Amino acid sequence: MANSKSSQTSTRIRRDGTAPRPRIPWVQIALVVILAVGGLLFVYWAPVREAAQAGTSYSAHLTCSCRFLAGREAGDCASQLADGSDFVFTSTDEHDRSVTAYVPLVASQTATYREGYGCVLESWKN
């Protein structure tokens, strides 16, 4: 007598007569994406951080000079920034007469107005 289990196929059929779709291996796909992003960050982190540091320094100094030397409004000073500085944000501290520019989670720089010196950048922190 033949084994009835061995004669059955391993494919399950739904009640409506169709075969189910194969499952997508989401865990494996997510792992590959995470490893790819991590590898890119490892390779390109130093150039991205250096470019962000230069961009925040430029933006902080320019906005500080525009605001505290030229006496213009901070919103008007934002139009003076170079193209491509969309990821650089600035905040102005009227009390300390300083401007901080930052790229979130990457770089930050502060320029402070000092009488007789103009706007001076703080020393870089690595």
C-alpha atoms as a PDB file:
ATOM      1  CA  MET A   1       0.000   0.000   0.000  1.00  0.00           C
ATOM      2  CA  ALA A   2       1.413   3.322  -1.009  1.00  0.00           C
ATOM      3  CA  ASN A   3       1.901   6.039   1.541  1.00  0.00           C
ATOM      4  CA  SER A   4      -0.805   8.601   0.912  1.00  0.00           C
ATOM      5  CA  LYS A   5       1.298  11.440   2.337  1.00  0.00           C
ATOM      6  CA  SER A   6       4.103  10.883  -0.163  1.00  0.00           C
ATOM      7  CA  SER A   7       1.702  11.054  -3.086  1.00  0.00           C
ATOM      8  CA  GLN A   8       0.431  14.476  -2.062  1.00  0.00           C
ATOM      9  CA  THR A   9       2.166  17.536  -3.424  1.00  0.00           C
ATOM     10  CA  SER A  10       3.743  20.058  -1.080  1.00  0.00           C
ATOM     11  CA  THR A  11       1.905  22.976  -2.714  1.00  0.00           C
ATOM     12  CA  ARG A  12      -1.106  24.119  -0.782  1.00  0.00           C
ATOM     13  CA  ILE A  13      -4.178  25.129  -2.696  1.00  0.00           C
ATOM     14  CA  ARG A  14      -6.680  27.653  -1.413  1.00  0.00           C
ATOM     15  CA  ARG A  15     -10.358  26.850  -1.220  1.00  0.00           C
ATOM     16  CA  ASP A  16     -10.997  28.980  -4.297  1.00  0.00           C
ATOM     17  CA  GLY A  17      -8.578  26.752  -6.272  1.00  0.00           C
ATOM     18  CA  THR A  18      -5.686  29.225  -6.564  1.00  0.00           C
ATOM     19  CA  ALA A  19      -2.190  28.810  -5.211  1.00  0.00           C
ATOM     20  CA  PRO A  20      -1.009  31.350  -2.598  1.00  0.00           C
ATOM     21  CA  ARG A  21       1.542  33.983  -3.573  1.00  0.00           C
ATOM     22  CA  PRO A  22       5.074  33.271  -2.411  1.00  0.00           C
ATOM     23  CA  ARG A  23       6.079  35.167   0.724  1.00  0.00           C
ATOM     24  CA  ILE A  24       8.489  38.049   0.360  1.00  0.00           C
ATOM     25  CA  PRO A  25      11.516  37.685   2.642  1.00  0.00           C
ATOM     26  CA  TRP A  26      11.146  41.116   4.321  1.00  0.00           C
ATOM     27  CA  VAL A  27      13.724  40.415   6.989  1.00  0.00           C
ATOM     28  CA  GLN A  28      16.401  39.575   4.449  1.00  0.00           C
ATOM     29  CA  ILE A  29      15.535  42.608   2.305  1.00  0.00           C
ATOM     30  CA  ALA A  30      15.663  44.908   5.355  1.00  0.00           C
ATOM     31  CA  LEU A  31      19.017  43.449   6.392  1.00  0.00           C
ATOM     32  CA  VAL A  32      20.495  44.041   2.935  1.00  0.00           C
ATOM     33  CA  VAL A  33      19.226  47.643   2.886  1.00  0.00           C
ATOM     34  CA  ILE A  34      20.606  48.350   6.374  1.00  0.00           C
ATOM     35  CA  LEU A  35      23.993  46.892   5.444  1.00  0.00           C
ATOM     36  CA  ALA A  36      24.092  48.904   2.211  1.00  0.00           C
ATOM     37  CA  VAL A  37      23.257  52.180   3.973  1.00  0.00           C
ATOM     38  CA  GLY A  38      25.777  51.410   6.713  1.00  0.00           C
ATOM     39  CA  GLY A  39      28.470  50.694   4.129  1.00  0.00           C
ATOM     40  CA  LEU A  40      27.778  53.951   2.302  1.00  0.00           C
ATOM     41  CA  LEU A  41      27.911  55.903   5.558  1.00  0.00           C
ATOM     42  CA  PHE A  42      31.207  54.253   6.448  1.00  0.00           C
ATOM     43  CA  VAL A  43      32.746  55.178   3.090  1.00  0.00           C
ATOM     44  CA  TYR A  44      31.316  58.679   2.676  1.00  0.00           C
ATOM     45  CA  TRP A  45      30.953  59.937   6.270  1.00  0.00           C
ATOM     46  CA  ALA A  46      34.218  61.950   6.405  1.00  0.00           C
ATOM     47  CA  PRO A  47      33.629  63.895   3.144  1.00  0.00           C
ATOM     48  CA  VAL A  48      29.992  64.558   4.064  1.00  0.00           C
ATOM     49  CA  ARG A  49      30.948  65.780   7.553  1.00  0.00           C
ATOM     50  CA  GLU A  50      33.704  68.044   6.180  1.00  0.00           C
ATOM     51  CA  ALA A  51      31.392  69.562   3.584  1.00  0.00           C
ATOM     52  CA  ALA A  52      28.707  70.092   6.228  1.00  0.00           C
ATOM     53  CA  GLN A  53      31.219  71.749   8.569  1.00  0.00           C
ATOM     54  CA  ALA A  54      32.352  74.132   5.820  1.00  0.00           C
ATOM     55  CA  GLY A  55      28.745  74.890   4.864  1.00  0.00           C
ATOM     56  CA  THR A  56      27.654  75.613   8.425  1.00  0.00           C
ATOM     57  CA  SER A  57      30.702  77.832   9.019  1.00  0.00           C
ATOM     58  CA  TYR A  58      29.977  79.808   5.851  1.00  0.00           C
ATOM     59  CA  SER A  59      26.278  80.157   6.696  1.00  0.00           C
ATOM     60  CA  ALA A  60      26.875  81.160  10.326  1.00  0.00           C
ATOM     61  CA  HIS A  61      29.465  83.809   9.412  1.00  0.00           C
ATOM     62  CA  LEU A  62      27.464  85.244   6.509  1.00  0.00           C
ATOM     63  CA  THR A  63      24.194  85.366   8.459  1.00  0.00           C
ATOM     64  CA  CYS A  64      25.907  86.897  11.503  1.00  0.00           C
ATOM     65  CA  SER A  65      27.509  89.613   9.359  1.00  0.00           C
ATOM     66  CA  CYS A  66      24.260  90.293   7.550  1.00  0.00           C
ATOM     67  CA  ARG A  67      22.263  90.500  10.786  1.00  0.00           C
ATOM     68  CA  PHE A  68      24.596  92.288  13.197  1.00  0.00           C
ATOM     69  CA  LEU A  69      26.893  94.304  10.913  1.00  0.00           C
ATOM     70  CA  ALA A  70      24.452  95.269   8.178  1.00  0.00           C
ATOM     71  CA  GLY A  71      21.468  95.402  10.551  1.00  0.00           C
ATOM     72  CA  ARG A  72      19.165  93.406   8.260  1.00  0.00           C
ATOM     73  CA  GLU A  73      16.500  90.981   9.396  1.00  0.00           C
ATOM     74  CA  ALA A  74      17.434  87.303   9.762  1.00  0.00           C
ATOM     75  CA  GLY A  75      14.846  86.230   7.192  1.00  0.00           C
ATOM     76  CA  ASP A  76      16.314  88.643   4.670  1.00  0.00           C
ATOM     77  CA  CYS A  77      19.808  87.281   5.344  1.00  0.00           C
ATOM     78  CA  ALA A  78      18.730  83.740   4.415  1.00  0.00           C
ATOM     79  CA  SER A  79      18.316  84.835   0.791  1.00  0.00           C
ATOM     80  CA  GLN A  80      22.058  85.639   0.678  1.00  0.00           C
ATOM     81  CA  LEU A  81      23.110  82.027   1.296  1.00  0.00           C
ATOM     82  CA  ALA A  82      24.544  80.017  -1.598  1.00  0.00           C
ATOM     83  CA  ASP A  83      22.464  77.641  -3.664  1.00  0.00           C
ATOM     84  CA  GLY A  84      22.598  74.124  -2.281  1.00  0.00           C
ATOM     85  CA  SER A  85      22.421  75.209   1.344  1.00  0.00           C
ATOM     86  CA  ASP A  86      18.909  73.806   1.731  1.00  0.00           C
ATOM     87  CA  PHE A  87      19.997  71.421   4.496  1.00  0.00           C
ATOM     88  CA  VAL A  88      21.719  74.146   6.542  1.00  0.00           C
ATOM     89  CA  PHE A  89      19.444  75.707   9.161  1.00  0.00           C
ATOM     90  CA  THR A  90      20.218  78.828  11.185  1.00  0.00           C
ATOM     91  CA  SER A  91      19.070  80.195  14.519  1.00  0.00           C
ATOM     92  CA  THR A  92      19.805  83.698  15.788  1.00  0.00           C
ATOM     93  CA  ASP A  93      20.402  84.629  19.428  1.00  0.00           C
ATOM     94  CA  GLU A  94      19.764  88.370  19.707  1.00  0.00           C
ATOM     95  CA  HIS A  95      20.925  88.533  23.333  1.00  0.00           C
ATOM     96  CA  ASP A  96      24.366  86.989  22.670  1.00  0.00           C
ATOM     97  CA  ARG A  97      24.500  88.499  19.164  1.00  0.00           C
ATOM     98  CA  SER A  98      25.317  85.143  17.639  1.00  0.00           C
ATOM     99  CA  VAL A  99      24.102  82.901  14.845  1.00  0.00           C
ATOM    100  CA  THR A 100      24.284  79.112  14.911  1.00  0.00           C
ATOM    101  CA  ALA A 101      24.081  77.192  11.657  1.00  0.00           C
ATOM    102  CA  TYR A 102      23.630  73.437  11.666  1.00  0.00           C
ATOM    103  CA  VAL A 103      23.003  70.386   9.549  1.00  0.00           C
ATOM    104  CA  PRO A 104      20.986  68.074  11.804  1.00  0.00           C
ATOM    105  CA  LEU A 105      23.002  65.165  13.242  1.00  0.00           C
ATOM    106  CA  VAL A 106      26.099  66.099  11.193  1.00  0.00           C
ATOM    107  CA  ALA A 107      27.639  69.522  11.929  1.00  0.00           C
ATOM    108  CA  SER A 108      27.079  72.780  13.791  1.00  0.00           C
ATOM    109  CA  GLN A 109      28.916  76.113  13.888  1.00  0.00           C
ATOM    110  CA  THR A 110      28.351  79.395  15.746  1.00  0.00           C
ATOM    111  CA  ALA A 111      29.478  82.878  14.760  1.00  0.00           C
ATOM    112  CA  THR A 112      29.381  85.630  17.410  1.00  0.00           C
ATOM    113  CA  TYR A 113      29.547  89.373  16.781  1.00  0.00           C
ATOM    114  CA  ARG A 114      32.368  91.041  18.723  1.00  0.00           C
ATOM    115  CA  GLU A 115      32.822  94.802  18.709  1.00  0.00           C
ATOM    116  CA  GLY A 116      35.933  95.735  16.761  1.00  0.00           C
ATOM    117  CA  TYR A 117      36.346  92.230  15.289  1.00  0.00           C
ATOM    118  CA  GLY A 118      33.074  91.611  13.497  1.00  0.00           C
ATOM    119  CA  CYS A 119      31.605  88.137  13.380  1.00  0.00           C
ATOM    120  CA  VAL A 120      33.997  85.518  14.708  1.00  0.00           C
ATOM    121  CA  LEU A 121      33.566  81.764  14.327  1.00  0.00           C
ATOM    122  CA  GLU A 122      34.002  79.514  17.331  1.00  0.00           C
ATOM    123  CA  SER A 123      36.836  77.021  17.050  1.00  0.00           C
ATOM    124  CA  TRP A 124      35.945  73.812  15.238  1.00  0.00           C
ATOM    125  CA  LYS A 125      35.136  70.765  17.283  1.00  0.00           C
ATOM    126  CA  ASN A 126      36.051  67.443  15.684  1.00  0.00           C
END
